[in-house]
Amino acid sequence: MRKYSYILFVACLLISVSASACEDGSGHYTLPVEEATIRTQGGKDHLFSVEIAATPEEQMQGLMNREKMPEDHGMLFLFPSERNISFWMKDTIMPLDILYIKADGVINHIHKNAVPLDETPLPSNGTILNVLEINGGMADKLGIQAGDTVYHGSFGNSLAP
């Protein structure tokens, strides 16, 4: 009985520690962070720290209820296969640029300055593999456009050192 109580205590402790490690201090849970680089057709590179939303649950939560995000941050939604997809801004309170990216890393379409809290579907306008959300207005500020390339391991591409 004592051994069972000890195992239960340790299991509960591990669960509470791992859950608190995912909180960013503002009550929001953060996901694993990786680097992604967007290279414009003009050859300019823009490095982003992106949270990786890989599971349906993580993707459903997305950036909902976040008030702000650093300019060089974003969220990369990883899907298991190519698809036509639509995003929306339900419960998302900051404007976003939504980059729809093909399997080779090339940006197919950008929906710029998606309106906070708007539930209107925002379609990919073609078959894509992943989606990158960045702060609204950043695509224009950095000169990012359809045809530019996103470099990240999920696309099987990399930048030469």
N, C-alpha and C. Protein backbone atom coordinates (compact mmCIF):
# COMPACT_ATOMS: atom_id res chain seq x y z
N MET A 1 0.83 -1.20 0.00
CA MET A 1 0.00 0.00 0.00
C MET A 1 0.87 1.26 0.00
N ARG A 2 1.91 1.25 0.80
CA ARG A 2 2.79 2.41 0.90
C ARG A 2 3.49 2.65 -0.44
N LYS A 3 3.92 1.56 -1.11
CA LYS A 3 4.59 1.69 -2.40
C LYS A 3 3.63 2.28 -3.43
N TYR A 4 2.37 1.85 -3.43
CA TYR A 4 1.37 2.37 -4.35
C TYR A 4 1.15 3.87 -4.12
N SER A 5 1.06 4.30 -2.88
CA SER A 5 0.87 5.71 -2.55
C SER A 5 2.05 6.53 -3.04
N TYR A 6 3.26 6.01 -2.89
CA TYR A 6 4.46 6.72 -3.33
C TYR A 6 4.46 6.87 -4.85
N ILE A 7 4.13 5.80 -5.56
CA ILE A 7 4.09 5.85 -7.03
C ILE A 7 3.03 6.85 -7.49
N LEU A 8 1.88 6.85 -6.86
CA LEU A 8 0.82 7.79 -7.20
C LEU A 8 1.27 9.23 -6.95
N PHE A 9 1.95 9.48 -5.83
CA PHE A 9 2.45 10.81 -5.50
C PHE A 9 3.46 11.28 -6.55
N VAL A 10 4.40 10.42 -6.92
CA VAL A 10 5.42 10.78 -7.92
C VAL A 10 4.75 11.06 -9.27
N ALA A 11 3.79 10.24 -9.66
CA ALA A 11 3.10 10.45 -10.94
C ALA A 11 2.38 11.79 -10.95
N CYS A 12 1.69 12.12 -9.87
CA CYS A 12 0.99 13.41 -9.79
C CYS A 12 1.97 14.57 -9.82
N LEU A 13 3.09 14.43 -9.14
CA LEU A 13 4.11 15.47 -9.13
C LEU A 13 4.66 15.70 -10.53
N LEU A 14 4.97 14.63 -11.24
CA LEU A 14 5.49 14.76 -12.60
C LEU A 14 4.48 15.42 -13.53
N ILE A 15 3.23 15.06 -13.39
CA ILE A 15 2.20 15.66 -14.23
C ILE A 15 2.08 17.15 -13.95
N SER A 16 2.09 17.55 -12.68
CA SER A 16 1.94 18.97 -12.36
C SER A 16 3.16 19.77 -12.81
N VAL A 17 4.36 19.21 -12.69
CA VAL A 17 5.57 19.91 -13.13
C VAL A 17 5.57 20.06 -14.64
N SER A 18 5.22 19.01 -15.37
CA SER A 18 5.23 19.11 -16.83
C SER A 18 4.15 20.05 -17.32
N ALA A 19 3.01 20.10 -16.66
CA ALA A 19 1.96 21.03 -17.07
C ALA A 19 2.37 22.47 -16.82
N SER A 20 3.00 22.74 -15.68
CA SER A 20 3.40 24.12 -15.41
C SER A 20 4.54 24.56 -16.31
N ALA A 21 5.35 23.63 -16.78
CA ALA A 21 6.45 23.99 -17.68
C ALA A 21 5.95 24.47 -19.03
N CYS A 22 4.72 24.14 -19.37
CA CYS A 22 4.16 24.55 -20.66
C CYS A 22 3.51 25.91 -20.60
N GLU A 23 3.36 26.47 -19.39
CA GLU A 23 2.70 27.76 -19.27
C GLU A 23 3.71 28.87 -19.44
N ASP A 24 3.32 29.92 -20.16
CA ASP A 24 4.27 31.00 -20.45
C ASP A 24 4.22 32.15 -19.46
N GLY A 25 3.50 31.98 -18.35
CA GLY A 25 3.42 33.02 -17.34
C GLY A 25 2.20 33.90 -17.51
N SER A 26 1.56 33.87 -18.65
CA SER A 26 0.37 34.69 -18.89
C SER A 26 -0.89 33.83 -18.86
N GLY A 27 -0.75 32.57 -18.48
CA GLY A 27 -1.89 31.67 -18.48
C GLY A 27 -2.06 30.94 -19.79
N HIS A 28 -1.24 31.25 -20.79
CA HIS A 28 -1.30 30.57 -22.08
C HIS A 28 -0.27 29.45 -22.10
N TYR A 29 -0.62 28.40 -22.76
CA TYR A 29 0.30 27.28 -22.88
C TYR A 29 1.07 27.41 -24.18
N THR A 30 2.36 27.23 -24.09
CA THR A 30 3.19 27.35 -25.29
C THR A 30 3.53 25.96 -25.81
N LEU A 31 3.87 25.92 -27.05
CA LEU A 31 4.22 24.67 -27.73
C LEU A 31 5.71 24.66 -28.00
N PRO A 32 6.25 23.55 -28.48
CA PRO A 32 7.67 23.53 -28.84
C PRO A 32 7.98 24.65 -29.85
N VAL A 33 9.14 25.27 -29.70
CA VAL A 33 9.53 26.38 -30.57
C VAL A 33 10.70 25.95 -31.44
N GLU A 34 10.59 26.24 -32.73
CA GLU A 34 11.65 25.96 -33.70
C GLU A 34 11.88 27.20 -34.55
N GLU A 35 12.93 27.18 -35.34
CA GLU A 35 13.21 28.31 -36.22
C GLU A 35 12.70 28.00 -37.63
N ALA A 36 12.18 29.03 -38.27
CA ALA A 36 11.79 28.96 -39.68
C ALA A 36 12.28 30.25 -40.33
N THR A 37 12.80 30.13 -41.53
CA THR A 37 13.29 31.30 -42.26
C THR A 37 12.47 31.48 -43.52
N ILE A 38 12.05 32.71 -43.76
CA ILE A 38 11.38 33.04 -45.01
C ILE A 38 12.39 33.79 -45.87
N ARG A 39 12.64 33.25 -47.06
CA ARG A 39 13.53 33.90 -48.02
C ARG A 39 12.67 34.51 -49.12
N THR A 40 12.77 35.83 -49.27
CA THR A 40 12.01 36.50 -50.32
C THR A 40 12.62 36.18 -51.68
N GLN A 41 11.86 36.42 -52.71
CA GLN A 41 12.37 36.20 -54.07
C GLN A 41 13.53 37.12 -54.38
N GLY A 42 13.65 38.21 -53.62
CA GLY A 42 14.78 39.12 -53.77
C GLY A 42 16.01 38.69 -52.99
N GLY A 43 15.92 37.56 -52.27
CA GLY A 43 17.06 37.01 -51.56
C GLY A 43 17.22 37.45 -50.12
N LYS A 44 16.25 38.17 -49.56
CA LYS A 44 16.34 38.61 -48.17
C LYS A 44 15.75 37.55 -47.25
N ASP A 45 16.48 37.22 -46.17
CA ASP A 45 16.03 36.21 -45.21
C ASP A 45 15.42 36.86 -43.98
N HIS A 46 14.33 36.26 -43.49
CA HIS A 46 13.66 36.71 -42.27
C HIS A 46 13.49 35.49 -41.37
N LEU A 47 14.15 35.52 -40.21
CA LEU A 47 14.12 34.41 -39.26
C LEU A 47 12.98 34.60 -38.27
N PHE A 48 12.20 33.54 -38.07
CA PHE A 48 11.10 33.55 -37.10
C PHE A 48 11.27 32.40 -36.11
N SER A 49 10.93 32.66 -34.86
CA SER A 49 10.78 31.61 -33.86
C SER A 49 9.31 31.21 -33.89
N VAL A 50 9.04 29.96 -34.22
CA VAL A 50 7.66 29.54 -34.41
C VAL A 50 7.29 28.42 -33.45
N GLU A 51 6.13 28.57 -32.83
CA GLU A 51 5.56 27.47 -32.06
C GLU A 51 5.03 26.45 -33.06
N ILE A 52 5.21 25.19 -32.74
CA ILE A 52 4.79 24.12 -33.65
C ILE A 52 3.46 23.53 -33.16
N ALA A 53 2.43 23.70 -33.97
CA ALA A 53 1.11 23.12 -33.69
C ALA A 53 0.97 21.89 -34.58
N ALA A 54 1.18 20.72 -33.99
CA ALA A 54 1.22 19.49 -34.78
C ALA A 54 -0.01 18.60 -34.59
N THR A 55 -0.66 18.69 -33.44
CA THR A 55 -1.81 17.82 -33.19
C THR A 55 -3.11 18.59 -33.47
N PRO A 56 -4.20 17.87 -33.71
CA PRO A 56 -5.48 18.57 -33.92
C PRO A 56 -5.85 19.48 -32.75
N GLU A 57 -5.54 19.06 -31.53
CA GLU A 57 -5.86 19.88 -30.36
C GLU A 57 -5.05 21.17 -30.35
N GLU A 58 -3.76 21.06 -30.66
CA GLU A 58 -2.89 22.25 -30.71
C GLU A 58 -3.33 23.18 -31.83
N GLN A 59 -3.72 22.61 -32.94
CA GLN A 59 -4.15 23.41 -34.08
C GLN A 59 -5.48 24.09 -33.80
N MET A 60 -6.37 23.41 -33.09
CA MET A 60 -7.66 24.00 -32.76
C MET A 60 -7.46 25.21 -31.84
N GLN A 61 -6.54 25.12 -30.90
CA GLN A 61 -6.27 26.22 -29.97
C GLN A 61 -5.53 27.35 -30.69
N GLY A 62 -4.53 27.01 -31.51
CA GLY A 62 -3.79 28.01 -32.26
C GLY A 62 -3.36 29.19 -31.41
N LEU A 63 -3.56 30.38 -31.92
CA LEU A 63 -3.19 31.61 -31.21
C LEU A 63 -4.40 32.28 -30.56
N MET A 64 -5.45 31.50 -30.32
CA MET A 64 -6.65 32.05 -29.69
C MET A 64 -6.31 32.69 -28.35
N ASN A 65 -6.96 33.80 -28.08
CA ASN A 65 -6.89 34.51 -26.80
C ASN A 65 -5.53 35.10 -26.46
N ARG A 66 -4.62 35.12 -27.40
CA ARG A 66 -3.33 35.78 -27.17
C ARG A 66 -3.47 37.25 -27.53
N GLU A 67 -2.96 38.11 -26.67
CA GLU A 67 -3.09 39.55 -26.90
C GLU A 67 -1.98 40.11 -27.77
N LYS A 68 -0.82 39.49 -27.73
CA LYS A 68 0.31 39.98 -28.52
C LYS A 68 1.32 38.87 -28.72
N MET A 69 2.25 39.14 -29.64
CA MET A 69 3.29 38.18 -29.96
C MET A 69 4.48 39.00 -30.47
N PRO A 70 5.71 38.64 -30.09
CA PRO A 70 6.87 39.38 -30.62
C PRO A 70 6.86 39.37 -32.15
N GLU A 71 7.42 40.43 -32.75
CA GLU A 71 7.40 40.58 -34.21
C GLU A 71 8.04 39.42 -34.95
N ASP A 72 9.05 38.79 -34.35
CA ASP A 72 9.76 37.71 -35.04
C ASP A 72 9.29 36.33 -34.60
N HIS A 73 8.05 36.25 -34.13
CA HIS A 73 7.47 34.98 -33.70
C HIS A 73 6.26 34.64 -34.56
N GLY A 74 5.84 33.39 -34.46
CA GLY A 74 4.66 32.94 -35.17
C GLY A 74 4.27 31.55 -34.72
N MET A 75 3.33 30.97 -35.43
CA MET A 75 2.91 29.59 -35.17
C MET A 75 2.84 28.87 -36.50
N LEU A 76 3.50 27.71 -36.56
CA LEU A 76 3.51 26.88 -37.76
C LEU A 76 2.62 25.67 -37.52
N PHE A 77 1.60 25.53 -38.35
CA PHE A 77 0.66 24.43 -38.27
C PHE A 77 1.13 23.34 -39.24
N LEU A 78 1.45 22.17 -38.69
CA LEU A 78 1.96 21.06 -39.49
C LEU A 78 0.84 20.05 -39.74
N PHE A 79 0.59 19.75 -41.00
CA PHE A 79 -0.44 18.79 -41.36
C PHE A 79 0.22 17.55 -41.95
N PRO A 80 -0.44 16.38 -41.83
CA PRO A 80 0.18 15.14 -42.28
C PRO A 80 0.22 14.98 -43.80
N SER A 81 -0.62 15.72 -44.51
CA SER A 81 -0.65 15.61 -45.97
C SER A 81 -1.17 16.92 -46.56
N GLU A 82 -0.96 17.06 -47.86
CA GLU A 82 -1.42 18.26 -48.55
C GLU A 82 -2.94 18.31 -48.59
N ARG A 83 -3.47 19.53 -48.61
CA ARG A 83 -4.92 19.70 -48.59
C ARG A 83 -5.30 21.13 -48.94
N ASN A 84 -6.54 21.32 -49.32
CA ASN A 84 -7.14 22.65 -49.37
C ASN A 84 -7.70 22.88 -47.97
N ILE A 85 -7.48 24.05 -47.43
CA ILE A 85 -7.88 24.30 -46.06
C ILE A 85 -8.32 25.74 -45.90
N SER A 86 -9.15 25.98 -44.91
CA SER A 86 -9.53 27.34 -44.53
C SER A 86 -9.24 27.54 -43.06
N PHE A 87 -8.78 28.72 -42.71
CA PHE A 87 -8.59 29.11 -41.32
C PHE A 87 -9.64 30.17 -41.00
N TRP A 88 -9.79 30.48 -39.73
CA TRP A 88 -10.66 31.55 -39.28
C TRP A 88 -10.03 32.21 -38.08
N MET A 89 -10.64 33.28 -37.60
CA MET A 89 -10.07 34.07 -36.50
C MET A 89 -10.90 33.98 -35.22
N LYS A 90 -11.70 32.93 -35.09
CA LYS A 90 -12.52 32.76 -33.89
C LYS A 90 -11.64 32.84 -32.65
N ASP A 91 -12.03 33.70 -31.73
CA ASP A 91 -11.34 33.89 -30.44
C ASP A 91 -9.88 34.32 -30.59
N THR A 92 -9.49 34.78 -31.76
CA THR A 92 -8.13 35.30 -31.96
C THR A 92 -8.24 36.82 -31.91
N ILE A 93 -7.57 37.42 -30.93
CA ILE A 93 -7.81 38.84 -30.65
C ILE A 93 -6.74 39.78 -31.20
N MET A 94 -5.79 39.24 -31.95
CA MET A 94 -4.81 40.10 -32.62
C MET A 94 -4.84 39.80 -34.11
N PRO A 95 -4.63 40.81 -34.96
CA PRO A 95 -4.62 40.55 -36.40
C PRO A 95 -3.43 39.68 -36.79
N LEU A 96 -3.64 38.85 -37.78
CA LEU A 96 -2.59 37.93 -38.23
C LEU A 96 -2.46 37.96 -39.75
N ASP A 97 -1.25 37.69 -40.23
CA ASP A 97 -1.03 37.35 -41.62
C ASP A 97 -0.95 35.83 -41.66
N ILE A 98 -1.74 35.21 -42.52
CA ILE A 98 -1.80 33.75 -42.60
C ILE A 98 -1.16 33.33 -43.92
N LEU A 99 -0.04 32.60 -43.81
CA LEU A 99 0.73 32.17 -44.98
C LEU A 99 0.43 30.70 -45.26
N TYR A 100 -0.15 30.42 -46.41
CA TYR A 100 -0.46 29.05 -46.82
C TYR A 100 0.71 28.56 -47.67
N ILE A 101 1.32 27.44 -47.25
CA ILE A 101 2.61 27.02 -47.81
C ILE A 101 2.51 25.63 -48.45
N LYS A 102 3.01 25.51 -49.67
CA LYS A 102 3.00 24.24 -50.39
C LYS A 102 4.07 23.29 -49.83
N ALA A 103 4.03 22.05 -50.25
CA ALA A 103 4.92 21.01 -49.74
C ALA A 103 6.40 21.31 -49.96
N ASP A 104 6.72 22.11 -50.98
CA ASP A 104 8.12 22.44 -51.24
C ASP A 104 8.58 23.69 -50.48
N GLY A 105 7.70 24.25 -49.64
CA GLY A 105 8.04 25.42 -48.84
C GLY A 105 7.68 26.74 -49.49
N VAL A 106 7.19 26.71 -50.71
CA VAL A 106 6.83 27.95 -51.41
C VAL A 106 5.46 28.44 -50.93
N ILE A 107 5.40 29.73 -50.62
CA ILE A 107 4.15 30.33 -50.16
C ILE A 107 3.18 30.41 -51.34
N ASN A 108 2.03 29.76 -51.18
CA ASN A 108 1.00 29.73 -52.22
C ASN A 108 0.11 30.97 -52.15
N HIS A 109 -0.23 31.38 -50.93
CA HIS A 109 -1.19 32.47 -50.74
C HIS A 109 -0.97 33.08 -49.36
N ILE A 110 -1.19 34.38 -49.24
CA ILE A 110 -1.13 35.06 -47.94
C ILE A 110 -2.45 35.79 -47.74
N HIS A 111 -3.10 35.52 -46.63
CA HIS A 111 -4.25 36.33 -46.24
C HIS A 111 -3.70 37.35 -45.24
N LYS A 112 -3.66 38.61 -45.65
CA LYS A 112 -3.03 39.65 -44.84
C LYS A 112 -4.03 40.30 -43.88
N ASN A 113 -3.53 40.59 -42.68
CA ASN A 113 -4.30 41.30 -41.66
C ASN A 113 -5.68 40.70 -41.44
N ALA A 114 -5.71 39.39 -41.18
CA ALA A 114 -6.98 38.74 -40.86
C ALA A 114 -7.60 39.43 -39.65
N VAL A 115 -8.88 39.71 -39.75
CA VAL A 115 -9.59 40.51 -38.75
C VAL A 115 -9.84 39.70 -37.48
N PRO A 116 -9.41 40.24 -36.32
CA PRO A 116 -9.63 39.54 -35.06
C PRO A 116 -11.11 39.19 -34.85
N LEU A 117 -11.33 37.99 -34.32
CA LEU A 117 -12.64 37.47 -33.92
C LEU A 117 -13.57 37.16 -35.09
N ASP A 118 -13.15 37.37 -36.32
CA ASP A 118 -13.98 37.12 -37.50
C ASP A 118 -14.02 35.61 -37.78
N GLU A 119 -15.21 35.08 -37.94
CA GLU A 119 -15.37 33.65 -38.19
C GLU A 119 -15.55 33.32 -39.67
N THR A 120 -15.29 34.29 -40.53
CA THR A 120 -15.36 34.05 -41.97
C THR A 120 -14.22 33.12 -42.39
N PRO A 121 -14.50 32.04 -43.13
CA PRO A 121 -13.43 31.16 -43.58
C PRO A 121 -12.44 31.89 -44.49
N LEU A 122 -11.16 31.64 -44.27
CA LEU A 122 -10.08 32.24 -45.04
C LEU A 122 -9.36 31.11 -45.78
N PRO A 123 -9.73 30.85 -47.04
CA PRO A 123 -9.24 29.67 -47.76
C PRO A 123 -7.80 29.79 -48.24
N SER A 124 -7.18 28.62 -48.42
CA SER A 124 -5.79 28.54 -48.87
C SER A 124 -5.64 28.85 -50.36
N ASN A 125 -6.72 28.83 -51.10
CA ASN A 125 -6.69 29.08 -52.55
C ASN A 125 -5.77 28.10 -53.29
N GLY A 126 -5.74 26.87 -52.83
CA GLY A 126 -4.94 25.84 -53.47
C GLY A 126 -4.52 24.79 -52.46
N THR A 127 -3.86 23.76 -52.95
CA THR A 127 -3.40 22.66 -52.11
C THR A 127 -2.12 23.08 -51.39
N ILE A 128 -2.14 22.95 -50.07
CA ILE A 128 -0.98 23.35 -49.27
C ILE A 128 -0.64 22.23 -48.27
N LEU A 129 0.55 22.31 -47.69
CA LEU A 129 0.95 21.34 -46.68
C LEU A 129 0.86 21.95 -45.28
N ASN A 130 1.37 23.15 -45.09
CA ASN A 130 1.43 23.77 -43.77
C ASN A 130 0.97 25.22 -43.83
N VAL A 131 0.72 25.78 -42.65
CA VAL A 131 0.29 27.17 -42.53
C VAL A 131 1.14 27.85 -41.48
N LEU A 132 1.59 29.07 -41.77
CA LEU A 132 2.35 29.88 -40.82
C LEU A 132 1.56 31.14 -40.52
N GLU A 133 1.30 31.37 -39.23
CA GLU A 133 0.66 32.61 -38.80
C GLU A 133 1.71 33.52 -38.18
N ILE A 134 1.74 34.77 -38.65
CA ILE A 134 2.63 35.78 -38.09
C ILE A 134 1.78 37.02 -37.78
N ASN A 135 2.37 37.98 -37.08
CA ASN A 135 1.64 39.20 -36.75
C ASN A 135 1.10 39.88 -37.99
N GLY A 136 -0.12 40.39 -37.88
CA GLY A 136 -0.72 41.12 -38.98
C GLY A 136 0.13 42.30 -39.40
N GLY A 137 0.33 42.43 -40.70
CA GLY A 137 1.12 43.53 -41.24
C GLY A 137 2.58 43.19 -41.47
N MET A 138 3.06 42.08 -40.89
CA MET A 138 4.48 41.73 -41.03
C MET A 138 4.84 41.34 -42.46
N ALA A 139 3.94 40.69 -43.17
CA ALA A 139 4.25 40.31 -44.55
C ALA A 139 4.55 41.56 -45.38
N ASP A 140 3.71 42.57 -45.26
CA ASP A 140 3.96 43.82 -45.99
C ASP A 140 5.22 44.51 -45.48
N LYS A 141 5.39 44.56 -44.17
CA LYS A 141 6.55 45.25 -43.58
C LYS A 141 7.86 44.63 -44.05
N LEU A 142 7.89 43.30 -44.19
CA LEU A 142 9.12 42.59 -44.56
C LEU A 142 9.19 42.28 -46.06
N GLY A 143 8.16 42.63 -46.80
CA GLY A 143 8.16 42.35 -48.24
C GLY A 143 7.94 40.89 -48.57
N ILE A 144 7.26 40.16 -47.68
CA ILE A 144 6.98 38.74 -47.90
C ILE A 144 5.75 38.62 -48.79
N GLN A 145 5.84 37.75 -49.81
CA GLN A 145 4.73 37.59 -50.74
C GLN A 145 4.64 36.15 -51.25
N ALA A 146 3.53 35.85 -51.91
CA ALA A 146 3.38 34.54 -52.54
C ALA A 146 4.55 34.33 -53.49
N GLY A 147 5.09 33.11 -53.48
CA GLY A 147 6.26 32.79 -54.30
C GLY A 147 7.55 32.77 -53.50
N ASP A 148 7.55 33.41 -52.31
CA ASP A 148 8.71 33.33 -51.42
C ASP A 148 8.76 31.93 -50.82
N THR A 149 9.89 31.57 -50.23
CA THR A 149 10.08 30.22 -49.71
C THR A 149 10.29 30.22 -48.20
N VAL A 150 9.59 29.30 -47.52
CA VAL A 150 9.78 29.08 -46.09
C VAL A 150 10.69 27.88 -45.92
N TYR A 151 11.76 28.07 -45.14
CA TYR A 151 12.71 27.00 -44.86
C TYR A 151 12.47 26.49 -43.45
N HIS A 152 12.13 25.21 -43.38
CA HIS A 152 11.88 24.53 -42.11
C HIS A 152 11.94 23.03 -42.39
N GLY A 153 12.32 22.26 -41.42
CA GLY A 153 12.46 20.82 -41.59
C GLY A 153 11.21 20.13 -42.11
N SER A 154 10.04 20.68 -41.84
CA SER A 154 8.80 20.04 -42.29
C SER A 154 8.65 20.08 -43.80
N PHE A 155 9.43 20.93 -44.47
CA PHE A 155 9.38 21.00 -45.93
C PHE A 155 10.53 20.23 -46.57
N GLY A 156 11.42 19.69 -45.75
CA GLY A 156 12.56 18.94 -46.28
C GLY A 156 13.55 19.82 -47.00
N ASN A 157 13.53 21.11 -46.69
CA ASN A 157 14.50 22.02 -47.31
C ASN A 157 15.37 22.65 -46.22
N SER A 158 16.46 23.19 -46.59
CA SER A 158 17.33 23.86 -45.62
C SER A 158 18.14 24.92 -46.33
N LEU A 159 18.55 25.90 -45.55
CA LEU A 159 19.41 26.95 -46.10
C LEU A 159 20.85 26.50 -46.06
N ALA A 160 21.60 26.80 -47.10
CA ALA A 160 23.03 26.47 -47.11
C ALA A 160 23.74 27.33 -46.07
N PRO A 161 24.66 26.74 -45.30
CA PRO A 161 25.35 27.52 -44.26
C PRO A 161 26.25 28.58 -44.85
